[in-house]
Structures are given as structure tokens and as C-alpha cells.
C-alpha atoms as a PDB file:
ATOM      1  CA  MET A   1      57.253 140.659 129.645  1.00  0.00           C
ATOM      2  CA  LYS A   2      53.933 142.385 129.228  1.00  0.00           C
ATOM      3  CA  ASN A   3      52.331 143.302 125.932  1.00  0.00           C
ATOM      4  CA  LEU A   4      53.358 146.821 125.988  1.00  0.00           C
ATOM      5  CA  PHE A   5      52.610 149.164 123.024  1.00  0.00           C
ATOM      6  CA  SER A   6      54.119 152.321 121.683  1.00  0.00           C
ATOM      7  CA  ILE A   7      51.669 155.015 120.501  1.00  0.00           C
ATOM      8  CA  ASN A   8      52.645 154.227 116.997  1.00  0.00           C
ATOM      9  CA  ARG A   9      52.132 150.575 117.164  1.00  0.00           C
ATOM     10  CA  ALA A  10      48.709 151.042 119.067  1.00  0.00           C
ATOM     11  CA  ALA A  11      47.690 153.317 116.311  1.00  0.00           C
ATOM     12  CA  ASP A  12      48.441 150.733 113.790  1.00  0.00           C
ATOM     13  CA  VAL A  13      46.678 147.882 115.664  1.00  0.00           C
ATOM     14  CA  LEU A  14      43.584 150.074 116.548  1.00  0.00           C
ATOM     15  CA  GLN A  15      43.475 151.870 113.177  1.00  0.00           C
ATOM     16  CA  LYS A  16      43.463 155.191 114.935  1.00  0.00           C
ATOM     17  CA  ASP A  17      45.223 158.476 114.154  1.00  0.00           C
ATOM     18  CA  ARG A  18      48.388 158.724 115.882  1.00  0.00           C
ATOM     19  CA  GLN A  19      47.615 162.186 117.087  1.00  0.00           C
ATOM     20  CA  THR A  20      44.290 161.012 118.613  1.00  0.00           C
ATOM     21  CA  LEU A  21      46.247 158.392 120.765  1.00  0.00           C
ATOM     22  CA  VAL A  22      48.814 161.192 121.704  1.00  0.00           C
ATOM     23  CA  ARG A  23      45.944 163.352 122.861  1.00  0.00           C
ATOM     24  CA  ALA A  24      44.097 160.507 124.701  1.00  0.00           C
ATOM     25  CA  LEU A  25      47.271 159.193 126.463  1.00  0.00           C
ATOM     26  CA  ARG A  26      48.634 162.781 127.313  1.00  0.00           C
ATOM     27  CA  HIS A  27      47.600 162.620 130.927  1.00  0.00           C
ATOM     28  CA  THR A  28      47.911 158.837 131.269  1.00  0.00           C
ATOM     29  CA  ARG A  29      50.938 157.275 133.251  1.00  0.00           C
ATOM     30  CA  PRO A  30      52.627 154.702 131.083  1.00  0.00           C
ATOM     31  CA  ASP A  31      52.775 151.153 132.050  1.00  0.00           C
ATOM     32  CA  GLY A  32      56.425 150.835 131.198  1.00  0.00           C
ATOM     33  CA  THR A  33      59.153 152.207 129.008  1.00  0.00           C
ATOM     34  CA  GLU A  34      61.372 150.830 126.278  1.00  0.00           C
ATOM     35  CA  ARG A  35      64.336 152.868 124.906  1.00  0.00           C
ATOM     36  CA  GLY A  36      63.208 155.754 127.121  1.00  0.00           C
ATOM     37  CA  GLN A  37      59.818 155.923 125.374  1.00  0.00           C
ATOM     38  CA  PRO A  38      56.558 155.403 127.054  1.00  0.00           C
ATOM     39  CA  ARG A  39      54.771 152.142 126.553  1.00  0.00           C
ATOM     40  CA  TYR A  40      51.127 151.228 127.505  1.00  0.00           C
ATOM     41  CA  LEU A  41      49.083 148.052 127.957  1.00  0.00           C
ATOM     42  CA  MET A  42      46.041 147.687 125.566  1.00  0.00           C
ATOM     43  CA  PRO A  43      43.618 148.031 128.374  1.00  0.00           C
ATOM     44  CA  THR A  44      45.116 151.387 129.479  1.00  0.00           C
ATOM     45  CA  ILE A  45      45.038 152.524 125.822  1.00  0.00           C
ATOM     46  CA  LEU A  46      41.431 151.651 125.333  1.00  0.00           C
ATOM     47  CA  ALA A  47      40.450 153.298 128.671  1.00  0.00           C
ATOM     48  CA  ALA A  48      42.234 156.452 127.617  1.00  0.00           C
ATOM     49  CA  LEU A  49      40.553 156.375 124.202  1.00  0.00           C
ATOM     50  CA  ASP A  50      37.158 155.827 125.791  1.00  0.00           C
ATOM     51  CA  ALA A  51      37.661 158.801 128.090  1.00  0.00           C
ATOM     52  CA  HIS A  52      38.975 160.973 125.229  1.00  0.00           C
ATOM     53  CA  GLN A  53      36.076 160.058 122.951  1.00  0.00           C
ATOM     54  CA  GLY A  54      33.597 161.427 125.458  1.00  0.00           C
ATOM     55  CA  ARG A  55      32.255 158.162 126.900  1.00  0.00           C
ATOM     56  CA  THR A  56      31.102 158.700 130.586  1.00  0.00           C
ATOM     57  CA  HIS A  57      32.545 156.599 133.280  1.00  0.00           C
ATOM     58  CA  GLY A  58      29.295 154.837 133.343  1.00  0.00           C
ATOM     59  CA  ASP A  59      29.507 153.840 129.780  1.00  0.00           C
ATOM     60  CA  ALA A  60      32.825 151.983 130.248  1.00  0.00           C
ATOM     61  CA  ASN A  61      32.759 148.349 129.791  1.00  0.00           C
ATOM     62  CA  HIS A  62      34.077 147.283 133.312  1.00  0.00           C
ATOM     63  CA  GLY A  63      33.441 143.660 132.562  1.00  0.00           C
ATOM     64  CA  LEU A  64      35.761 143.719 129.637  1.00  0.00           C
ATOM     65  CA  GLU A  65      38.197 145.538 131.659  1.00  0.00           C
ATOM     66  CA  ARG A  66      38.236 142.960 134.342  1.00  0.00           C
ATOM     67  CA  GLN A  67      38.613 140.356 131.702  1.00  0.00           C
ATOM     68  CA  PHE A  68      41.690 142.148 130.315  1.00  0.00           C
ATOM     69  CA  ALA A  69      43.204 142.148 133.992  1.00  0.00           C
ATOM     70  CA  GLU A  70      42.294 138.460 134.298  1.00  0.00           C
ATOM     71  CA  LEU A  71      43.909 137.663 130.926  1.00  0.00           C
ATOM     72  CA  GLU A  72      47.096 139.452 132.000  1.00  0.00           C
ATOM     73  CA  ALA A  73      47.215 137.596 135.267  1.00  0.00           C
ATOM     74  CA  ARG A  74      46.883 134.199 133.432  1.00  0.00           C
ATOM     75  CA  TYR A  75      49.506 135.252 130.900  1.00  0.00           C
ATOM     76  CA  ASN A  76      51.891 136.078 133.701  1.00  0.00           C
ATOM     77  CA  ALA A  77      51.132 132.767 135.436  1.00  0.00           C
ATOM     78  CA  VAL A  78      51.996 130.884 132.324  1.00  0.00           C
ATOM     79  CA  ARG A  79      55.286 132.735 132.063  1.00  0.00           C
ATOM     80  CA  ALA A  80      56.106 132.164 135.806  1.00  0.00           C
ATOM     81  CA  ALA A  81      55.301 128.389 135.931  1.00  0.00           C
ATOM     82  CA  PRO A  82      58.551 126.723 136.834  1.00  0.00           C
ATOM     83  CA  THR A  83      58.696 123.934 134.286  1.00  0.00           C
ATOM     84  CA  LEU A  84      57.987 123.684 130.574  1.00  0.00           C
ATOM     85  CA  GLU A  85      55.310 121.149 131.128  1.00  0.00           C
ATOM     86  CA  GLU A  86      53.469 123.233 133.754  1.00  0.00           C
ATOM     87  CA  ARG A  87      53.655 126.363 131.347  1.00  0.00           C
ATOM     88  CA  ARG A  88      52.267 124.412 128.590  1.00  0.00           C
ATOM     89  CA  GLU A  89      49.447 122.992 130.608  1.00  0.00           C
ATOM     90  CA  LEU A  90      48.545 126.318 131.907  1.00  0.00           C
ATOM     91  CA  ALA A  91      48.494 127.656 128.504  1.00  0.00           C
ATOM     92  CA  ARG A  92      46.271 124.918 127.155  1.00  0.00           C
ATOM     93  CA  VAL A  93      43.683 124.722 129.998  1.00  0.00           C
ATOM     94  CA  SER A  94      43.668 128.195 131.425  1.00  0.00           C
ATOM     95  CA  PHE A  95      45.149 130.882 129.254  1.00  0.00           C
ATOM     96  CA  PHE A  96      44.199 129.932 125.627  1.00  0.00           C
ATOM     97  CA  PRO A  97      40.564 129.180 126.285  1.00  0.00           C
ATOM     98  CA  TYR A  98      40.371 132.420 128.401  1.00  0.00           C
ATOM     99  CA  LEU A  99      41.853 134.289 125.484  1.00  0.00           C
ATOM    100  CA  ALA A 100      39.126 133.006 123.300  1.00  0.00           C
ATOM    101  CA  ALA A 101      36.423 134.222 125.674  1.00  0.00           C
ATOM    102  CA  VAL A 102      38.141 137.660 125.773  1.00  0.00           C
ATOM    103  CA  GLU A 103      37.947 137.749 121.890  1.00  0.00           C
ATOM    104  CA  ASP A 104      34.190 137.128 122.247  1.00  0.00           C
ATOM    105  CA  ALA A 105      33.992 139.918 124.610  1.00  0.00           C
ATOM    106  CA  MET A 106      35.785 142.342 122.431  1.00  0.00           C
ATOM    107  CA  TYR A 107      33.606 141.645 119.461  1.00  0.00           C
ATOM    108  CA  ALA A 108      30.405 142.160 121.575  1.00  0.00           C
ATOM    109  CA  ASP A 109      31.950 145.481 123.025  1.00  0.00           C
ATOM    110  CA  ALA A 110      32.744 146.764 119.567  1.00  0.00           C
ATOM    111  CA  LYS A 111      28.959 146.626 118.864  1.00  0.00           C
ATOM    112  CA  ARG A 112      28.273 149.125 121.766  1.00  0.00           C
ATOM    113  CA  PRO A 113      27.685 152.677 120.730  1.00  0.00           C
ATOM    114  CA  PRO A 114      29.643 154.306 119.187  1.00  0.00           C
ATOM    115  CA  ARG A 115      29.749 151.044 117.012  1.00  0.00           C
ATOM    116  CA  GLU A 116      33.096 150.236 115.437  1.00  0.00           C
ATOM    117  CA  ASP A 117      33.366 148.968 111.790  1.00  0.00           C
ATOM    118  CA  PRO A 118      33.333 145.274 111.911  1.00  0.00           C
ATOM    119  CA  VAL A 119      36.470 145.038 109.645  1.00  0.00           C
ATOM    120  CA  ILE A 120      38.499 147.207 112.099  1.00  0.00           C
ATOM    121  CA  THR A 121      37.161 145.136 115.053  1.00  0.00           C
ATOM    122  CA  GLY A 122      38.226 141.961 113.261  1.00  0.00           C
ATOM    123  CA  LEU A 123      41.828 143.364 112.649  1.00  0.00           C
ATOM    124  CA  ARG A 124      42.014 144.618 116.228  1.00  0.00           C
ATOM    125  CA  VAL A 125      40.862 141.470 117.793  1.00  0.00           C
ATOM    126  CA  ALA A 126      43.129 139.359 115.431  1.00  0.00           C
ATOM    127  CA  GLU A 127      46.105 141.315 116.466  1.00  0.00           C
ATOM    128  CA  HIS A 128      45.369 141.144 120.126  1.00  0.00           C
ATOM    129  CA  THR A 129      45.147 137.402 119.868  1.00  0.00           C
ATOM    130  CA  ARG A 130      48.261 136.971 117.686  1.00  0.00           C
ATOM    131  CA  LEU A 131      50.300 139.084 120.132  1.00  0.00           C
ATOM    132  CA  ASN A 132      49.110 136.946 123.056  1.00  0.00           C
ATOM    133  CA  VAL A 133      49.755 133.759 121.397  1.00  0.00           C
ATOM    134  CA  TRP A 134      53.025 134.456 119.740  1.00  0.00           C
ATOM    135  CA  THR A 135      54.624 136.161 122.655  1.00  0.00           C
ATOM    136  CA  LEU A 136      54.360 133.091 124.683  1.00  0.00           C
ATOM    137  CA  ARG A 137      55.931 130.731 122.130  1.00  0.00           C
ATOM    138  CA  ASP A 138      59.520 131.029 123.387  1.00  0.00           C
ATOM    139  CA  VAL A 139      58.595 130.333 127.031  1.00  0.00           C
ATOM    140  CA  LEU A 140      56.425 127.434 125.817  1.00  0.00           C
ATOM    141  CA  GLY A 141      59.091 126.100 123.561  1.00  0.00           C
ATOM    142  CA  TRP A 142      57.038 126.177 120.468  1.00  0.00           C
ATOM    143  CA  ASN A 143      57.408 128.057 117.149  1.00  0.00           C
ATOM    144  CA  ARG A 144      54.685 130.278 115.736  1.00  0.00           C
ATOM    145  CA  ASP A 145      52.823 127.463 113.946  1.00  0.00           C
ATOM    146  CA  GLU A 146      52.851 125.084 116.986  1.00  0.00           C
ATOM    147  CA  ALA A 147      51.698 127.961 119.274  1.00  0.00           C
ATOM    148  CA  TRP A 148      48.903 128.780 116.980  1.00  0.00           C
ATOM    149  CA  ALA A 149      47.831 125.146 116.644  1.00  0.00           C
ATOM    150  CA  GLU A 150      47.803 124.715 120.490  1.00  0.00           C
ATOM    151  CA  PHE A 151      45.745 127.890 120.826  1.00  0.00           C
ATOM    152  CA  LEU A 152      43.196 126.547 118.273  1.00  0.00           C
ATOM    153  CA  LYS A 153      42.998 123.129 119.954  1.00  0.00           C
ATOM    154  CA  ALA A 154      42.245 124.813 123.366  1.00  0.00           C
ATOM    155  CA  ASP A 155      39.700 127.193 121.821  1.00  0.00           C
ATOM    156  CA  PRO A 156      36.233 125.741 122.406  1.00  0.00           C
ATOM    157  CA  ARG A 157      34.855 127.548 119.344  1.00  0.00           C
ATOM    158  CA  SER A 158      37.155 125.776 116.899  1.00  0.00           C
ATOM    159  CA  ARG A 159      35.665 122.455 117.872  1.00  0.00           C
ATOM    160  CA  ASP A 160      32.811 120.951 115.754  1.00  0.00           C
ATOM    161  CA  ASP A 161      30.129 118.851 117.665  1.00  0.00           C
ATOM    162  CA  GLY A 162      31.169 115.725 116.182  1.00  0.00           C
ATOM    163  CA  GLU A 163      34.929 116.327 116.789  1.00  0.00           C
ATOM    164  CA  ALA A 164      36.590 114.743 119.725  1.00  0.00           C
ATOM    165  CA  ALA A 165      37.891 117.114 122.256  1.00  0.00           C
END
């Protein structure tokens, strides 16, 4: 299952007015549906918001868009791995470290004009990471705390220089 968002959920995560998202997504094809309601991937929502906010096509962060696409591919690879051991290994060596890199890119992107409030950025990035980690917990056979602990172990930013890898 992909990380699909309703307009209401996306408005909460992004701290945007619901009507702003309605207008931004008005002509955007949904990435899926749940209970007959349109649902969108976060990259789809962010691209629609960028366009709606008047950013020109040249101002879009294509690097971040590619990272979101790669993250989704890695997420799907973890879910599709045939054994629990393979899913866990992919999560540890491929998905979780890349998720940390995407976090860094999201923070850097938020500093581009028009700059986003750092508090909002922190909330948005944290929610993005939480959803990516916790939605994998069942397929990885971990509870929330175990999934989070494994993400932190795989995140190169969480290691001190003197700490063993």
C-alpha cells in the first residue's frame, strides 16, 4: 500500500488550509481512492501546491521529486521482498538510510524561497518519516518502537563518531 493522503490529512500534515489544497489539486489526477474519495501521494500534493503557489516550472526542485520517486521504489521493494529476513535487510541497508537522506533534502528544500517556517518544516518532515517507518512495521514484523529503533540504527546521522556502527 502506498502512502496516500486525503486532502484533509494532507492539510493537517502540511499545515495548509484545506481549501488551498482543494484548489491546488482541482485539476490533478488522484493517485488512488479510498472509500470512493480521491487520495494523493505526497510528491503529487507538493507539486500541485508548488504550481498553485505560482512557482514556475523551472523553480521546482526536480532533485527532491526524483528522491521521492526513488524512496517510493525502495519502499515498494521492501514490501515486495519474499521473506521477512530479506524485507528487514532491505529496510536496514536501503530504505531507512535513504529515508534519512530524503529528510535532509526536505529540510534543505524548505529553505528555498518562499521559505517555510522551520517549525512547520520540522512537523512536516517528522510526519513524513513517521508514516514511512510505521507503515512498514507490519510487513517487517516489528511494533512501532522496534521499527523506530531500527530506523535510528540505520540512520547515519544518529551515530556519534565514537559509536560503533
